[in-house]
Amino acid sequence: MILQLILGLSLLVFVHELGHFMAAKAFGMRVPKFFIFFDAWGKKIWSKQIGETEYGIGWLPLGGYVQISGMIDETQDKSALMGEPQPWEFRAKPAWQRFIVMIGGVVMNVIAGIFIFTLFLSVYEKEYLPTEQVNKEGIYAHEVARKIGLQTGDKITEINGKPFARFKDLTATKVMFGADLTVNRNGQNRVITTPDTLYRQMRQPFVSPMYENVAIAEVAGGSNAEKAGLQKGDRLVAIDSVKIDRFLQIGEILKPKSNGQVQVTVERNGQNLTLTSGVDENGRLGFIPDIVLPYDFEPYNWGSAFHYSFKEGYDLIASQIVAFRLMFTGRLSVSENLASPIAIARIYGGTWDWKRFWRITGLLSFVLAFMNILPIPALDGGHIMFIAIETITRRKISDAVLERAQMIGMALLLCLMVYAFGNDIFKIFTGKF
């Protein structure tokens, strides 16, 4: 967990600060320091002076920074700006150049997120299930979907009035935070709206393709399945006369019958057999499934991978905006959704999985871009906000005001960080993670 967290944050912080650094250098500003992580109280793991810039790695992995001459931020206050502005200083440059310097980190995180997602889709996912394939028979509606009005066999053709090519887009965050689904049912179209509270059910299945071949890959020794005579290679046909079209459907059937018995019909060597099997206390028979979807998958090429990476990034940032609105209105729990590095490390997991690592790092890159653009003093968005005010009013904001705002912003961020760490530590001790 720790190694993946440090590597992921190092990459994202480097990319973010590189955006500020390159923009500042492009406009002739001096950059005395470029650090990944903070060298709080002057303590650092490594540093090297190259030209005017000290490059280094700090010991406190809560971010990073570039120190730009003539700029009030967490690295310097107005006392460092007592003299007349010099041509190489941030404060001496026109507003549009200062804006580009401040937006540079966010832009680089968005570019990095799109790049990571593009590689992820091309290298790891490689293909997707087209919606048109699923709509030959329609969806399988799980309990969560049935509660909002969807039915098994429905053909979902549009999200918010727009056709969608990938079936996986039905589980995108924009659907989980509320969307209008155009549904074709028995030849007639209707619109079903997912509630903006659907995200609370994200750990449960929502909708799945209708049909898959469910066979048994392995039977657990000593399990109810073995005692009943189920064998590797058997294909499940029905349970208690209910036809099986989906593996996830099995759990819905077995859960109410925990510690009971069921009649399992399987196809073996071209013939159907019905066997009696016990169900354990967890609603399981005791076998590992071999699942095959009878659909033609569409491979990603670099063009489609880039397109969907851009789209997923846009949808993710849009969902972040919705989530913040829900938190401010009290409809979304802050304690459940504000994460410290502890929670992020747990998301990466305790085993090294490159597929999961790059997926999470790509997501975090977009989240970091969104968080930094918020108009809070001490964040990039706060600096941009003051540049915008200066541009509109055509009046320079005093260094004293900027310094005071920076202090308030840093205090606010520190409080949020302490709250997030405390909240995650509390979850660990109470077993709520």
Protein backbone atom coordinates (compact mmCIF):
# COMPACT_ATOMS: atom_id res chain seq x y z
CA MET A 1 0.00 0.00 0.00
CA ILE A 2 2.70 2.49 1.06
CA LEU A 3 4.91 1.92 -1.98
CA GLN A 4 2.03 2.25 -4.44
CA LEU A 5 0.78 5.38 -2.68
CA ILE A 6 4.23 7.01 -2.75
CA LEU A 7 4.84 6.10 -6.40
CA GLY A 8 1.38 7.28 -7.47
CA LEU A 9 1.61 10.58 -5.57
CA SER A 10 5.20 11.16 -6.75
CA LEU A 11 4.16 10.84 -10.39
CA LEU A 12 1.12 13.08 -10.01
CA VAL A 13 2.94 15.74 -7.95
CA PHE A 14 5.85 15.77 -10.41
CA VAL A 15 3.54 16.21 -13.38
CA HIS A 16 1.56 18.94 -11.63
CA GLU A 17 4.58 20.97 -10.52
CA LEU A 18 6.21 20.45 -13.92
CA GLY A 19 3.26 22.31 -15.45
CA HIS A 20 3.92 25.35 -13.25
CA PHE A 21 7.68 25.08 -13.80
CA MET A 22 7.57 24.93 -17.60
CA ALA A 23 5.11 27.83 -17.85
CA ALA A 24 7.15 29.99 -15.47
CA LYS A 25 10.39 29.31 -17.34
CA ALA A 26 8.69 29.95 -20.69
CA PHE A 27 7.83 33.49 -19.54
CA GLY A 28 11.29 34.19 -18.14
CA MET A 29 10.51 33.76 -14.45
CA ARG A 30 13.11 32.46 -12.05
CA VAL A 31 12.34 29.24 -10.16
CA PRO A 32 14.67 28.82 -7.14
CA LYS A 33 13.17 25.47 -6.00
CA PHE A 34 11.37 22.46 -7.51
CA PHE A 35 10.41 19.88 -4.90
CA ILE A 36 8.42 16.65 -4.93
CA PHE A 37 6.89 16.47 -1.44
CA PHE A 38 7.56 19.16 1.15
CA ASP A 39 10.96 19.81 2.74
CA ALA A 40 9.27 21.03 5.93
CA TRP A 41 11.61 22.74 8.43
CA GLY A 42 14.39 22.47 5.86
CA LYS A 43 14.57 18.66 6.04
CA LYS A 44 14.93 16.87 2.72
CA ILE A 45 15.67 13.39 1.41
CA TRP A 46 17.66 14.55 -1.61
CA SER A 47 18.43 17.74 -3.50
CA LYS A 48 20.72 18.99 -6.26
CA GLN A 49 21.42 22.50 -7.49
CA ILE A 50 21.28 22.86 -11.27
CA GLY A 51 21.65 26.41 -12.49
CA GLU A 52 19.33 28.73 -10.56
CA THR A 53 17.04 25.88 -9.42
CA GLU A 54 17.38 23.45 -6.52
CA TYR A 55 15.67 20.18 -7.43
CA GLY A 56 14.78 17.92 -4.52
CA ILE A 57 12.59 15.40 -2.73
CA GLY A 58 11.09 16.37 0.61
CA TRP A 59 10.22 14.05 3.47
CA LEU A 60 6.54 15.07 3.90
CA PRO A 61 4.45 13.34 1.18
CA LEU A 62 1.49 15.73 1.20
CA GLY A 63 2.16 17.48 -2.09
CA GLY A 64 4.99 19.40 -3.69
CA TYR A 65 5.86 22.88 -4.89
CA VAL A 66 7.83 25.10 -7.20
CA GLN A 67 9.06 28.34 -5.67
CA ILE A 68 8.63 31.12 -8.22
CA SER A 69 10.40 34.41 -7.61
CA GLY A 70 8.06 37.29 -6.81
CA MET A 71 5.04 35.16 -5.89
CA ILE A 72 3.31 34.97 -2.51
CA ASP A 73 2.59 31.33 -1.70
CA GLU A 74 3.34 28.72 0.96
CA THR A 75 7.09 29.11 0.31
CA GLN A 76 7.40 32.89 0.78
CA ASP A 77 5.45 35.88 2.11
CA LYS A 78 5.39 39.61 1.39
CA SER A 79 8.63 40.14 3.32
CA ALA A 80 10.43 38.53 0.38
CA LEU A 81 8.90 41.10 -1.96
CA MET A 82 9.95 44.35 -0.30
CA GLY A 83 11.92 45.73 -3.23
CA GLU A 84 10.83 46.90 -6.63
CA PRO A 85 9.47 44.15 -8.95
CA GLN A 86 12.22 42.67 -11.09
CA PRO A 87 11.68 41.56 -14.72
CA TRP A 88 12.16 37.90 -13.79
CA GLU A 89 9.56 37.92 -11.02
CA PHE A 90 6.01 36.54 -11.12
CA ARG A 91 4.53 39.84 -9.89
CA ALA A 92 6.16 41.75 -12.76
CA LYS A 93 4.44 39.74 -15.47
CA PRO A 94 1.08 40.55 -17.11
CA ALA A 95 -2.05 38.85 -15.78
CA TRP A 96 -2.43 36.48 -18.73
CA GLN A 97 1.08 35.06 -18.20
CA ARG A 98 0.48 34.63 -14.46
CA PHE A 99 -2.81 32.88 -15.27
CA ILE A 100 -1.07 30.39 -17.57
CA VAL A 101 1.57 29.70 -14.90
CA MET A 102 -1.12 28.97 -12.29
CA ILE A 103 -3.32 26.86 -14.59
CA GLY A 104 -0.29 24.90 -15.84
CA GLY A 105 -0.40 22.30 -13.07
CA VAL A 106 -4.08 21.55 -13.57
CA VAL A 107 -3.65 21.26 -17.34
CA MET A 108 -0.75 18.84 -16.91
CA ASN A 109 -2.79 16.65 -14.54
CA VAL A 110 -5.63 16.50 -17.06
CA ILE A 111 -3.18 15.60 -19.84
CA ALA A 112 -1.57 12.96 -17.60
CA GLY A 113 -4.99 11.52 -16.72
CA ILE A 114 -5.97 11.22 -20.38
CA PHE A 115 -2.56 9.69 -21.23
CA ILE A 116 -2.83 7.11 -18.41
CA PHE A 117 -6.43 6.21 -19.30
CA THR A 118 -5.50 5.84 -22.98
CA LEU A 119 -2.71 3.41 -22.12
CA PHE A 120 -4.95 1.62 -19.63
CA LEU A 121 -7.69 1.00 -22.19
CA SER A 122 -5.23 0.00 -24.90
CA VAL A 123 -2.97 -2.24 -22.80
CA TYR A 124 -5.20 -3.67 -20.07
CA GLU A 125 -8.86 -3.56 -21.11
CA LYS A 126 -8.12 -3.90 -24.86
CA GLU A 127 -11.81 -4.29 -25.80
CA TYR A 128 -15.30 -3.28 -24.75
CA LEU A 129 -18.80 -4.69 -24.96
CA PRO A 130 -20.87 -2.66 -27.47
CA THR A 131 -24.31 -1.53 -26.31
CA GLU A 132 -25.84 -2.76 -29.57
CA GLN A 133 -24.73 -6.31 -28.71
CA VAL A 134 -26.48 -6.20 -25.32
CA ASN A 135 -29.59 -4.63 -26.84
CA LYS A 136 -30.21 -7.69 -28.99
CA GLU A 137 -31.78 -9.26 -25.90
CA GLY A 138 -31.76 -6.38 -23.43
CA ILE A 139 -30.34 -5.95 -19.94
CA TYR A 140 -30.62 -8.03 -16.82
CA ALA A 141 -32.00 -5.66 -14.15
CA HIS A 142 -30.67 -6.34 -10.67
CA GLU A 143 -32.57 -5.39 -7.53
CA VAL A 144 -31.18 -1.83 -7.47
CA ALA A 145 -32.27 -1.26 -11.08
CA ARG A 146 -35.70 -2.79 -10.52
CA LYS A 147 -36.35 -0.33 -7.68
CA ILE A 148 -36.03 2.64 -10.03
CA GLY A 149 -38.30 1.09 -12.68
CA LEU A 150 -35.98 -0.85 -14.98
CA GLN A 151 -36.96 -4.37 -16.02
CA THR A 152 -35.04 -7.35 -17.31
CA GLY A 153 -35.21 -7.26 -21.09
CA ASP A 154 -35.17 -3.45 -21.31
CA LYS A 155 -32.99 -2.03 -24.07
CA ILE A 156 -31.25 1.16 -22.87
CA THR A 157 -30.40 3.26 -25.91
CA GLU A 158 -29.46 6.72 -24.59
CA ILE A 159 -27.99 8.41 -21.52
CA ASN A 160 -29.20 11.99 -21.07
CA GLY A 161 -30.52 11.96 -24.61
CA LYS A 162 -27.27 10.78 -26.21
CA PRO A 163 -26.53 7.32 -27.67
CA PHE A 164 -23.64 5.46 -26.03
CA ALA A 165 -21.44 2.85 -27.67
CA ARG A 166 -20.03 1.07 -24.59
CA PHE A 167 -22.27 -0.89 -22.27
CA LYS A 168 -19.94 -0.08 -19.33
CA ASP A 169 -21.02 3.57 -19.57
CA LEU A 170 -24.22 2.55 -17.77
CA THR A 171 -22.14 2.22 -14.61
CA ALA A 172 -20.37 5.58 -15.08
CA THR A 173 -20.44 8.09 -12.23
CA LYS A 174 -22.75 10.40 -14.18
CA VAL A 175 -25.43 7.68 -14.06
CA MET A 176 -24.78 7.06 -10.36
CA PHE A 177 -25.30 10.76 -9.59
CA GLY A 178 -28.52 11.01 -11.61
CA ALA A 179 -29.23 10.63 -15.33
CA ASP A 180 -32.11 10.18 -17.78
CA LEU A 181 -32.05 6.75 -19.42
CA THR A 182 -33.99 6.24 -22.64
CA VAL A 183 -35.41 2.72 -22.48
CA ASN A 184 -37.00 0.71 -25.27
CA ARG A 185 -39.48 -1.73 -23.73
CA ASN A 186 -41.65 -3.87 -25.97
CA GLY A 187 -41.01 -1.53 -28.90
CA GLN A 188 -41.93 1.65 -27.02
CA ASN A 189 -39.54 4.29 -25.68
CA ARG A 190 -39.76 5.73 -22.20
CA VAL A 191 -37.41 7.71 -19.96
CA ILE A 192 -36.36 6.42 -16.55
CA THR A 193 -34.39 8.76 -14.30
CA THR A 194 -31.77 7.39 -11.96
CA PRO A 195 -31.80 9.24 -8.61
CA ASP A 196 -28.78 11.28 -7.57
CA THR A 197 -28.56 8.97 -4.56
CA LEU A 198 -27.83 5.90 -6.71
CA TYR A 199 -24.14 6.24 -5.79
CA ARG A 200 -25.04 4.79 -2.39
CA GLN A 201 -25.75 1.47 -4.13
CA MET A 202 -22.52 1.42 -6.17
CA ARG A 203 -21.22 -1.65 -4.31
CA GLN A 204 -24.18 -3.66 -5.53
CA PRO A 205 -24.77 -4.79 -9.14
CA PHE A 206 -26.93 -2.38 -11.16
CA VAL A 207 -27.47 -3.74 -14.66
CA SER A 208 -25.73 -6.53 -16.58
CA PRO A 209 -25.92 -8.03 -20.06
CA MET A 210 -28.84 -10.45 -20.26
CA TYR A 211 -27.12 -13.66 -21.24
CA GLU A 212 -23.91 -15.43 -20.34
CA ASN A 213 -22.95 -19.08 -20.21
CA VAL A 214 -22.41 -20.00 -16.55
CA ALA A 215 -20.33 -23.15 -16.17
CA ILE A 216 -18.42 -24.59 -13.22
CA ALA A 217 -14.66 -24.05 -13.39
CA GLU A 218 -13.88 -25.71 -10.08
CA VAL A 219 -15.81 -27.32 -7.19
CA ALA A 220 -14.52 -26.59 -3.68
CA GLY A 221 -13.56 -29.68 -1.72
CA GLY A 222 -16.04 -30.54 1.03
CA SER A 223 -18.55 -27.98 -0.22
CA ASN A 224 -22.29 -28.44 -0.68
CA ALA A 225 -21.69 -28.41 -4.42
CA GLU A 226 -19.32 -31.39 -4.18
CA LYS A 227 -21.71 -33.29 -1.90
CA ALA A 228 -24.55 -32.70 -4.37
CA GLY A 229 -22.51 -34.15 -7.25
CA LEU A 230 -21.81 -30.96 -9.20
CA GLN A 231 -18.75 -31.34 -11.43
CA LYS A 232 -16.25 -29.19 -13.29
CA GLY A 233 -17.64 -28.35 -16.73
CA ASP A 234 -21.33 -28.52 -15.72
CA ARG A 235 -23.34 -25.63 -17.14
CA LEU A 236 -26.00 -24.18 -14.84
CA VAL A 237 -29.44 -24.19 -16.41
CA ALA A 238 -31.82 -23.44 -13.52
CA ILE A 239 -32.12 -23.23 -9.73
CA ASP A 240 -35.49 -24.22 -8.26
CA SER A 241 -36.91 -24.05 -11.81
CA VAL A 242 -35.75 -20.42 -12.24
CA LYS A 243 -33.79 -20.13 -15.49
CA ILE A 244 -30.21 -18.93 -15.01
CA ASP A 245 -29.07 -16.28 -17.46
CA ARG A 246 -26.53 -14.46 -15.27
CA PHE A 247 -23.98 -15.52 -12.67
CA LEU A 248 -24.97 -12.60 -10.43
CA GLN A 249 -28.55 -13.86 -10.64
CA ILE A 250 -27.46 -16.97 -8.70
CA GLY A 251 -26.66 -14.92 -5.61
CA GLU A 252 -30.08 -13.27 -5.67
CA ILE A 253 -31.75 -16.70 -5.75
CA LEU A 254 -29.56 -18.37 -3.13
CA LYS A 255 -29.34 -15.60 -0.52
CA PRO A 256 -32.92 -16.05 0.80
CA LYS A 257 -32.31 -19.83 0.93
CA SER A 258 -29.20 -19.72 3.17
CA ASN A 259 -28.81 -22.85 5.30
CA GLY A 260 -31.51 -24.51 3.18
CA GLN A 261 -31.64 -26.68 0.05
CA VAL A 262 -32.21 -26.00 -3.65
CA GLN A 263 -32.75 -28.01 -6.81
CA VAL A 264 -29.91 -27.30 -9.25
CA THR A 265 -30.38 -28.19 -12.92
CA VAL A 266 -27.17 -28.51 -14.92
CA GLU A 267 -26.29 -29.53 -18.45
CA ARG A 268 -23.71 -32.33 -18.56
CA ASN A 269 -22.64 -34.08 -21.75
CA GLY A 270 -25.66 -32.71 -23.59
CA GLN A 271 -28.21 -33.85 -21.00
CA ASN A 272 -29.94 -31.99 -18.19
CA LEU A 273 -29.56 -33.30 -14.64
CA THR A 274 -31.33 -32.01 -11.52
CA LEU A 275 -29.38 -32.33 -8.28
CA THR A 276 -30.24 -31.39 -4.70
CA SER A 277 -27.68 -29.16 -3.02
CA GLY A 278 -27.42 -27.49 0.35
CA VAL A 279 -26.81 -23.74 0.62
CA ASP A 280 -24.32 -22.45 3.21
CA GLU A 281 -24.91 -19.57 5.62
CA ASN A 282 -23.47 -17.10 3.07
CA GLY A 283 -25.90 -18.14 0.33
CA ARG A 284 -23.33 -20.13 -1.69
CA LEU A 285 -23.05 -23.61 -3.10
CA GLY A 286 -19.24 -23.78 -3.19
CA PHE A 287 -17.94 -23.54 -6.76
CA ILE A 288 -15.88 -21.17 -8.89
CA PRO A 289 -17.71 -20.08 -12.06
CA ASP A 290 -16.42 -20.12 -15.62
CA ILE A 291 -18.27 -17.22 -17.25
CA VAL A 292 -18.46 -16.67 -21.01
CA LEU A 293 -20.40 -13.78 -22.52
CA PRO A 294 -21.85 -14.78 -25.91
CA TYR A 295 -21.20 -11.37 -27.47
CA ASP A 296 -18.79 -9.89 -30.01
CA PHE A 297 -16.48 -7.46 -28.24
CA GLU A 298 -15.06 -4.36 -29.94
CA PRO A 299 -11.27 -3.81 -29.66
CA TYR A 300 -9.91 -0.41 -28.69
CA ASN A 301 -7.56 1.31 -31.11
CA TRP A 302 -5.46 4.32 -30.12
CA GLY A 303 -8.07 6.71 -31.47
CA SER A 304 -11.03 5.19 -29.63
CA ALA A 305 -8.95 4.73 -26.47
CA PHE A 306 -8.05 8.45 -26.51
CA HIS A 307 -11.66 9.41 -27.19
CA TYR A 308 -13.02 7.41 -24.28
CA SER A 309 -10.19 8.52 -21.99
CA PHE A 310 -11.12 12.15 -22.62
CA LYS A 311 -14.77 11.30 -22.10
CA GLU A 312 -14.17 9.42 -18.84
CA GLY A 313 -12.04 12.28 -17.52
CA TYR A 314 -14.75 14.81 -18.35
CA ASP A 315 -17.42 12.66 -16.72
CA LEU A 316 -15.27 12.18 -13.62
CA ILE A 317 -14.71 15.90 -13.13
CA ALA A 318 -18.41 16.57 -13.73
CA SER A 319 -19.30 13.99 -11.08
CA GLN A 320 -16.87 15.67 -8.65
CA ILE A 321 -18.80 18.92 -9.09
CA VAL A 322 -22.08 17.12 -8.37
CA ALA A 323 -20.55 15.40 -5.34
CA PHE A 324 -19.40 18.73 -3.90
CA ARG A 325 -22.90 20.15 -4.41
CA LEU A 326 -24.40 17.18 -2.59
CA MET A 327 -21.91 17.54 0.28
CA PHE A 328 -22.65 21.25 0.67
CA THR A 329 -26.39 20.52 0.77
CA GLY A 330 -25.90 17.72 3.28
CA ARG A 331 -27.12 14.95 0.98
CA LEU A 332 -23.68 13.37 0.73
CA SER A 333 -21.71 12.51 3.86
CA VAL A 334 -18.44 14.42 4.14
CA SER A 335 -16.97 11.86 6.55
CA GLU A 336 -17.66 9.02 4.12
CA ASN A 337 -16.28 10.77 1.04
CA LEU A 338 -13.33 12.89 2.21
CA ALA A 339 -10.21 10.75 1.97
CA SER A 340 -6.71 11.15 3.40
CA PRO A 341 -3.62 9.38 2.03
CA ILE A 342 -4.52 6.54 4.40
CA ALA A 343 -7.75 5.85 2.50
CA ILE A 344 -6.01 6.29 -0.86
CA ALA A 345 -3.38 3.72 0.15
CA ARG A 346 -6.15 1.25 1.04
CA ILE A 347 -7.73 1.83 -2.39
CA TYR A 348 -4.42 0.87 -4.04
CA GLY A 349 -4.52 -2.36 -2.02
CA GLY A 350 -1.98 -4.57 -0.30
CA THR A 351 -0.81 -6.42 -3.41
CA TRP A 352 1.00 -4.86 -6.36
CA ASP A 353 -1.32 -4.90 -9.37
CA TRP A 354 -0.21 -2.68 -12.27
CA LYS A 355 -3.65 -2.69 -13.84
CA ARG A 356 -5.28 -1.40 -10.67
CA PHE A 357 -2.34 0.94 -9.97
CA TRP A 358 -2.64 2.76 -13.29
CA ARG A 359 -6.43 2.90 -13.12
CA ILE A 360 -6.37 4.50 -9.66
CA THR A 361 -3.48 6.83 -10.55
CA GLY A 362 -5.36 8.01 -13.63
CA LEU A 363 -8.47 8.69 -11.55
CA LEU A 364 -6.42 10.57 -8.95
CA SER A 365 -4.85 12.72 -11.65
CA PHE A 366 -8.28 14.05 -12.63
CA VAL A 367 -9.31 14.42 -8.97
CA LEU A 368 -6.11 16.38 -8.25
CA ALA A 369 -6.83 18.66 -11.21
CA PHE A 370 -10.34 19.33 -9.95
CA MET A 371 -9.29 19.91 -6.33
CA ASN A 372 -6.57 22.37 -7.34
CA ILE A 373 -8.89 24.46 -9.49
CA LEU A 374 -11.22 25.15 -6.55
CA PRO A 375 -11.21 28.92 -5.73
CA ILE A 376 -9.61 28.46 -2.32
CA PRO A 377 -6.64 30.64 -1.34
CA ALA A 378 -3.40 28.60 -1.25
CA LEU A 379 -4.65 26.42 -4.10
CA ASP A 380 -4.06 27.16 -7.78
CA GLY A 381 -7.73 28.10 -8.09
CA GLY A 382 -7.30 30.74 -5.37
CA HIS A 383 -4.43 32.40 -7.24
CA ILE A 384 -6.47 32.27 -10.45
CA MET A 385 -9.41 33.85 -8.64
CA PHE A 386 -7.28 36.83 -7.54
CA ILE A 387 -5.81 37.20 -11.04
CA ALA A 388 -9.38 37.26 -12.42
CA ILE A 389 -10.42 39.93 -9.88
CA GLU A 390 -7.37 42.01 -10.81
CA THR A 391 -8.19 41.67 -14.52
CA ILE A 392 -11.84 42.66 -14.05
CA THR A 393 -11.25 45.57 -11.65
CA ARG A 394 -7.99 46.64 -13.32
CA ARG A 395 -6.55 47.18 -9.84
CA LYS A 396 -3.56 45.38 -8.37
CA ILE A 397 -4.39 43.44 -5.21
CA SER A 398 -2.02 44.38 -2.41
CA ASP A 399 0.61 41.98 -1.15
CA ALA A 400 -0.84 42.25 2.37
CA VAL A 401 -4.24 41.01 1.15
CA LEU A 402 -2.65 38.17 -0.81
CA GLU A 403 -0.55 37.13 2.19
CA ARG A 404 -3.58 37.17 4.52
CA ALA A 405 -5.63 35.13 2.05
CA GLN A 406 -2.76 32.67 1.69
CA MET A 407 -2.62 32.19 5.47
CA ILE A 408 -6.38 31.66 5.70
CA GLY A 409 -6.29 29.18 2.83
CA MET A 410 -3.41 27.23 4.35
CA ALA A 411 -5.21 27.10 7.70
CA LEU A 412 -8.35 25.80 6.00
CA LEU A 413 -6.44 23.14 4.08
CA LEU A 414 -4.61 22.10 7.25
CA CYS A 415 -7.91 21.72 9.09
CA LEU A 416 -9.33 19.62 6.26
CA MET A 417 -6.21 17.43 6.24
CA VAL A 418 -6.34 16.92 10.02
CA TYR A 419 -10.05 16.08 9.77
CA ALA A 420 -9.45 13.62 6.90
CA PHE A 421 -6.60 11.86 8.73
CA GLY A 422 -8.56 11.76 11.99
CA ASN A 423 -11.64 10.44 10.22
CA ASP A 424 -9.69 7.63 8.51
CA ILE A 425 -7.87 6.70 11.74
CA PHE A 426 -11.25 6.56 13.50
CA LYS A 427 -12.56 4.24 10.76
CA ILE A 428 -9.59 1.93 11.24
CA PHE A 429 -10.15 1.61 14.99
CA THR A 430 -13.92 1.18 14.62
CA GLY A 431 -13.66 -1.28 11.73
CA LYS A 432 -15.66 0.93 9.33
CA PHE A 433 -13.14 0.83 6.44
